[in-house]
Amino acid sequence: MIKGDCKLCGGYKDLCKAHIIARPFFKFLYPDHVANGTLIALSQFQNKYRKIKVPAAGMYDSGILCAECDNVFGKYDKYAAEILLKAEFDETPEKEGYVLNTYDYKKLKLFFLSLVFRGSVSKHKAFERILVGEEHEQKIRDLLLAEKPGTEDEYSVFLAKFDDSIRIPFATKNIPNPRKIRLEGINFCIFYFSNGMIAYIKIDKRKLGMPYSGVMLKQGHPCFIIKIEYETSAEFKLLMESAKIFFQEKNN
């Protein structure tokens, strides 16, 4: 362990091996056992691809949190894994998405806020594309310390899921690195999870309009998940490009 300032509580303490993307999301990739060694993640940054070694047990940073604060985030990680990896979602009548009628809004929203916070304060290369800036880091930190998810318009979250067709089974079996995007001119961080789940977290003061406002997480409302066809997605195209580069380098 090393000593340092915990990014959440601010105390000068022993810092622990804090997970950013927790073990259950990686264990899902290996239903029989957790792979030994490391996974190789290919990340596109500034129009270049590069390899990032990721322990099969998850992505972690030893310089951001004390054990006490990591344990607080751990309860959110555990709950989110239950929802995102194990919950049974009903397909909507139009078959354009899924719905979960019962869930804990507070725990799930705080999980996503904690991910943005951990990723932004981390120096792990896998999270270099989601730096949100001091102002948002501080506001999210205040919400986390108070254990308050904020209003539905504060750091709004909506979810999507890749269609896990038989033709492309790895739609649910890989975890791309998180990144920032703009939708309708509004800034978001995207986090990917095994089981094909995707979270869009608004990092912007402006409110969401339709259709996103209709599917974002809301207290007392069902959790809606947008269905995305994986074969036609930008993520699938990026995966194919990355795999091509990886095997070219491997064979040289």
Protein backbone atom coordinates (compact mmCIF):
# COMPACT_ATOMS: atom_id res chain seq x y z
CA MET A 1 0.00 0.00 0.00
CA ILE A 2 1.03 3.57 -0.56
CA LYS A 3 -0.04 6.61 1.40
CA GLY A 4 -1.72 9.53 -0.25
CA ASP A 5 -4.79 11.75 -0.39
CA CYS A 6 -7.99 9.80 -0.97
CA LYS A 7 -9.77 11.43 -3.91
CA LEU A 8 -13.17 10.99 -2.25
CA CYS A 9 -12.87 11.73 1.48
CA GLY A 10 -9.71 13.84 1.12
CA GLY A 11 -7.93 12.15 4.01
CA TYR A 12 -4.22 11.32 3.92
CA LYS A 13 -4.43 7.54 4.31
CA ASP A 14 -3.22 4.18 3.07
CA LEU A 15 -4.59 3.88 -0.45
CA CYS A 16 -5.96 0.53 -1.57
CA LYS A 17 -6.16 -1.39 -4.83
CA ALA A 18 -9.45 0.19 -5.85
CA HIS A 19 -11.45 -1.29 -8.70
CA ILE A 20 -12.89 1.07 -11.29
CA ILE A 21 -14.62 -1.58 -13.39
CA ALA A 22 -15.23 -4.27 -10.78
CA ARG A 23 -14.41 -7.98 -10.89
CA PRO A 24 -17.97 -9.30 -11.55
CA PHE A 25 -18.11 -7.57 -14.92
CA PHE A 26 -14.90 -9.33 -16.01
CA LYS A 27 -15.82 -12.63 -14.39
CA PHE A 28 -18.93 -12.62 -16.59
CA LEU A 29 -16.61 -12.99 -19.60
CA TYR A 30 -15.39 -16.32 -18.16
CA PRO A 31 -18.43 -18.22 -16.78
CA ASP A 32 -16.37 -21.22 -15.67
CA HIS A 33 -13.43 -19.40 -14.14
CA VAL A 34 -11.61 -16.08 -14.18
CA ALA A 35 -8.83 -16.15 -16.75
CA ASN A 36 -5.29 -16.08 -15.52
CA GLY A 37 -2.86 -13.39 -16.66
CA THR A 38 -4.02 -10.28 -18.44
CA LEU A 39 -6.47 -9.23 -21.12
CA ILE A 40 -5.31 -6.99 -23.94
CA ALA A 41 -7.60 -4.03 -24.56
CA LEU A 42 -7.19 -2.08 -27.76
CA SER A 43 -7.97 1.60 -27.36
CA GLN A 44 -8.43 4.24 -30.03
CA PHE A 45 -7.06 7.58 -28.87
CA GLN A 46 -6.25 10.59 -31.05
CA ASN A 47 -6.86 8.46 -34.15
CA LYS A 48 -4.31 5.85 -33.07
CA TYR A 49 -4.72 2.35 -31.66
CA ARG A 50 -2.68 1.09 -28.76
CA LYS A 51 -2.68 -1.87 -26.44
CA ILE A 52 -3.63 -1.54 -22.79
CA LYS A 53 -3.00 -4.47 -20.46
CA VAL A 54 -5.95 -5.16 -18.17
CA PRO A 55 -5.83 -7.73 -15.35
CA ALA A 56 -8.52 -10.34 -15.93
CA ALA A 57 -9.80 -9.61 -12.41
CA GLY A 58 -10.82 -6.08 -13.43
CA MET A 59 -9.56 -2.54 -13.90
CA TYR A 60 -8.14 -0.94 -10.77
CA ASP A 61 -6.04 1.98 -9.59
CA SER A 62 -3.92 1.90 -6.43
CA GLY A 63 -3.67 5.66 -6.09
CA ILE A 64 -7.20 7.05 -5.79
CA LEU A 65 -9.15 5.68 -2.80
CA CYS A 66 -8.72 4.58 0.79
CA ALA A 67 -10.21 1.23 1.78
CA GLU A 68 -13.18 2.83 3.56
CA CYS A 69 -14.25 4.82 0.50
CA ASP A 70 -13.59 1.87 -1.80
CA ASN A 71 -15.93 -0.22 0.36
CA VAL A 72 -18.66 2.41 -0.05
CA PHE A 73 -18.33 2.17 -3.83
CA GLY A 74 -18.15 -1.61 -3.50
CA LYS A 75 -21.77 -1.84 -2.38
CA TYR A 76 -22.83 0.10 -5.48
CA ASP A 77 -20.67 -2.16 -7.68
CA LYS A 78 -22.28 -5.26 -6.19
CA TYR A 79 -25.80 -3.95 -6.73
CA ALA A 80 -25.10 -2.81 -10.30
CA ALA A 81 -23.62 -6.20 -11.18
CA GLU A 82 -26.80 -7.88 -9.96
CA ILE A 83 -28.93 -5.58 -12.11
CA LEU A 84 -26.81 -5.35 -15.26
CA LEU A 85 -25.62 -8.96 -15.37
CA LYS A 86 -28.35 -11.04 -13.71
CA ALA A 87 -31.67 -9.20 -13.78
CA GLU A 88 -34.30 -10.49 -16.21
CA PHE A 89 -35.45 -7.66 -18.44
CA ASP A 90 -38.77 -7.86 -20.27
CA GLU A 91 -38.79 -6.94 -23.94
CA THR A 92 -40.99 -3.97 -24.79
CA PRO A 93 -44.10 -4.63 -26.95
CA GLU A 94 -42.42 -2.88 -29.90
CA LYS A 95 -39.31 -5.07 -29.39
CA GLU A 96 -37.16 -1.93 -29.56
CA GLY A 97 -35.85 -2.27 -26.03
CA TYR A 98 -36.17 -3.80 -22.60
CA VAL A 99 -37.71 -2.77 -19.31
CA LEU A 100 -37.06 -3.57 -15.65
CA ASN A 101 -40.00 -2.54 -13.51
CA THR A 102 -38.36 -2.76 -10.09
CA TYR A 103 -34.91 -1.48 -9.14
CA ASP A 104 -33.22 0.81 -6.61
CA TYR A 105 -32.79 4.16 -8.38
CA LYS A 106 -30.50 5.56 -5.70
CA LYS A 107 -28.02 2.68 -5.68
CA LEU A 108 -27.89 2.35 -9.45
CA LYS A 109 -27.50 6.09 -10.08
CA LEU A 110 -24.78 6.34 -7.43
CA PHE A 111 -22.97 3.45 -9.10
CA PHE A 112 -22.80 5.36 -12.37
CA LEU A 113 -21.74 8.57 -10.63
CA SER A 114 -19.00 6.67 -8.81
CA LEU A 115 -17.76 5.25 -12.13
CA VAL A 116 -17.45 8.70 -13.68
CA PHE A 117 -15.67 9.99 -10.57
CA ARG A 118 -13.27 7.05 -10.33
CA GLY A 119 -12.51 7.12 -14.03
CA SER A 120 -11.92 10.87 -14.13
CA VAL A 121 -9.54 10.98 -11.15
CA SER A 122 -7.70 7.82 -12.23
CA LYS A 123 -4.46 7.82 -14.21
CA HIS A 124 -5.25 4.43 -15.73
CA LYS A 125 -4.82 4.67 -19.50
CA ALA A 126 -8.16 2.97 -20.13
CA PHE A 127 -9.93 6.02 -18.70
CA GLU A 128 -7.98 8.82 -20.35
CA ARG A 129 -10.90 9.66 -22.62
CA ILE A 130 -13.37 10.46 -19.86
CA LEU A 131 -11.72 13.26 -17.91
CA VAL A 132 -14.66 15.47 -16.90
CA GLY A 133 -12.85 18.45 -15.36
CA GLU A 134 -12.53 19.84 -11.86
CA GLU A 135 -16.01 21.40 -11.71
CA HIS A 136 -17.87 18.18 -12.52
CA GLU A 137 -15.51 16.07 -10.42
CA GLN A 138 -16.26 18.25 -7.40
CA LYS A 139 -20.04 18.23 -7.94
CA ILE A 140 -20.10 14.47 -8.38
CA ARG A 141 -17.83 14.04 -5.36
CA ASP A 142 -20.25 16.11 -3.24
CA LEU A 143 -23.17 13.91 -4.32
CA LEU A 144 -21.22 10.76 -3.54
CA LEU A 145 -20.14 11.98 -0.11
CA ALA A 146 -23.75 12.86 0.70
CA GLU A 147 -24.90 9.55 -0.81
CA LYS A 148 -27.43 11.46 -2.89
CA PRO A 149 -28.08 10.55 -6.54
CA GLY A 150 -29.18 14.07 -7.43
CA THR A 151 -32.25 14.89 -9.47
CA GLU A 152 -33.01 13.04 -12.68
CA ASP A 153 -31.71 16.05 -14.63
CA GLU A 154 -28.38 16.12 -12.73
CA TYR A 155 -25.95 13.78 -14.47
CA SER A 156 -28.86 12.00 -16.14
CA VAL A 157 -28.34 8.36 -17.06
CA PHE A 158 -29.92 6.18 -19.69
CA LEU A 159 -29.05 2.62 -20.62
CA ALA A 160 -28.73 0.61 -23.81
CA LYS A 161 -27.97 -3.02 -24.60
CA PHE A 162 -26.41 -4.62 -27.64
CA ASP A 163 -28.66 -7.17 -29.28
CA ASP A 164 -26.95 -10.44 -28.34
CA SER A 165 -27.71 -12.28 -31.56
CA ILE A 166 -26.39 -15.78 -32.14
CA ARG A 167 -24.45 -14.56 -35.18
CA ILE A 168 -22.27 -12.28 -33.06
CA PRO A 169 -22.11 -13.84 -29.57
CA PHE A 170 -19.28 -11.55 -28.45
CA ALA A 171 -21.73 -8.64 -28.46
CA THR A 172 -22.09 -9.47 -24.77
CA LYS A 173 -18.57 -10.78 -24.21
CA ASN A 174 -16.30 -7.76 -24.40
CA ILE A 175 -15.82 -4.51 -22.50
CA PRO A 176 -14.67 -1.59 -24.69
CA ASN A 177 -12.91 1.28 -22.98
CA PRO A 178 -15.13 4.18 -21.86
CA ARG A 179 -15.20 7.43 -23.82
CA LYS A 180 -16.92 10.79 -24.19
CA ILE A 181 -19.39 11.64 -26.93
CA ARG A 182 -21.93 14.31 -27.85
CA LEU A 183 -25.59 13.50 -28.48
CA GLU A 184 -27.80 16.31 -29.76
CA GLY A 185 -24.95 18.66 -28.76
CA ILE A 186 -24.93 17.43 -25.14
CA ASN A 187 -21.85 15.87 -23.52
CA PHE A 188 -21.93 12.29 -22.23
CA CYS A 189 -19.57 9.71 -20.83
CA ILE A 190 -20.20 6.18 -22.07
CA PHE A 191 -19.29 3.14 -19.99
CA TYR A 192 -19.48 -0.38 -21.40
CA PHE A 193 -20.09 -3.56 -19.45
CA SER A 194 -20.20 -7.27 -20.16
CA ASN A 195 -23.64 -8.64 -21.06
CA GLY A 196 -23.74 -5.98 -23.77
CA MET A 197 -24.84 -3.24 -21.38
CA ILE A 198 -23.99 0.42 -22.00
CA ALA A 199 -24.51 3.44 -19.73
CA TYR A 200 -24.73 6.99 -21.05
CA ILE A 201 -24.06 9.53 -18.27
CA LYS A 202 -24.74 13.18 -19.04
CA ILE A 203 -21.87 15.50 -18.12
CA ASP A 204 -23.65 18.71 -19.01
CA LYS A 205 -25.86 21.30 -17.31
CA ARG A 206 -28.42 21.26 -20.11
CA LYS A 207 -31.51 19.08 -19.78
CA LEU A 208 -32.16 16.14 -22.05
CA GLY A 209 -34.88 16.34 -24.65
CA MET A 210 -36.83 13.53 -26.26
CA PRO A 211 -36.27 10.71 -26.90
CA TYR A 212 -33.54 10.47 -24.25
CA SER A 213 -35.55 12.17 -21.51
CA GLY A 214 -38.18 9.47 -21.94
CA VAL A 215 -35.79 6.61 -21.15
CA MET A 216 -33.45 8.13 -18.55
CA LEU A 217 -33.40 6.73 -15.03
CA LYS A 218 -36.12 8.29 -12.87
CA GLN A 219 -37.10 7.76 -9.28
CA GLY A 220 -40.24 5.63 -9.07
CA HIS A 221 -40.26 4.78 -12.79
CA PRO A 222 -39.28 1.58 -14.63
CA CYS A 223 -35.75 1.25 -15.98
CA PHE A 224 -35.81 1.31 -19.77
CA ILE A 225 -32.99 -0.08 -21.92
CA ILE A 226 -32.61 0.82 -25.58
CA LYS A 227 -31.79 -2.07 -27.92
CA ILE A 228 -28.83 -1.50 -30.27
CA GLU A 229 -28.11 -3.78 -33.21
CA TYR A 230 -24.51 -4.75 -32.64
CA GLU A 231 -23.69 -5.74 -36.19
CA THR A 232 -24.38 -2.20 -37.46
CA SER A 233 -22.94 -0.33 -34.47
CA ALA A 234 -19.87 1.90 -34.41
CA GLU A 235 -18.52 -0.29 -31.60
CA PHE A 236 -18.59 -3.40 -33.81
CA LYS A 237 -16.76 -1.56 -36.58
CA LEU A 238 -14.13 -0.37 -34.09
CA LEU A 239 -13.74 -3.90 -32.70
CA MET A 240 -13.14 -5.30 -36.19
CA GLU A 241 -10.58 -2.60 -36.98
CA SER A 242 -8.85 -3.18 -33.65
CA ALA A 243 -8.76 -6.94 -34.10
CA LYS A 244 -7.26 -6.57 -37.58
CA ILE A 245 -4.47 -4.36 -36.25
CA PHE A 246 -3.87 -6.66 -33.28
CA PHE A 247 -3.42 -9.78 -35.42
CA GLN A 248 -1.28 -7.93 -37.96
CA GLU A 249 1.10 -6.87 -35.20
CA LYS A 250 1.04 -10.33 -33.67
CA ASN A 251 2.04 -11.97 -36.94
CA ASN A 252 4.84 -9.50 -37.75
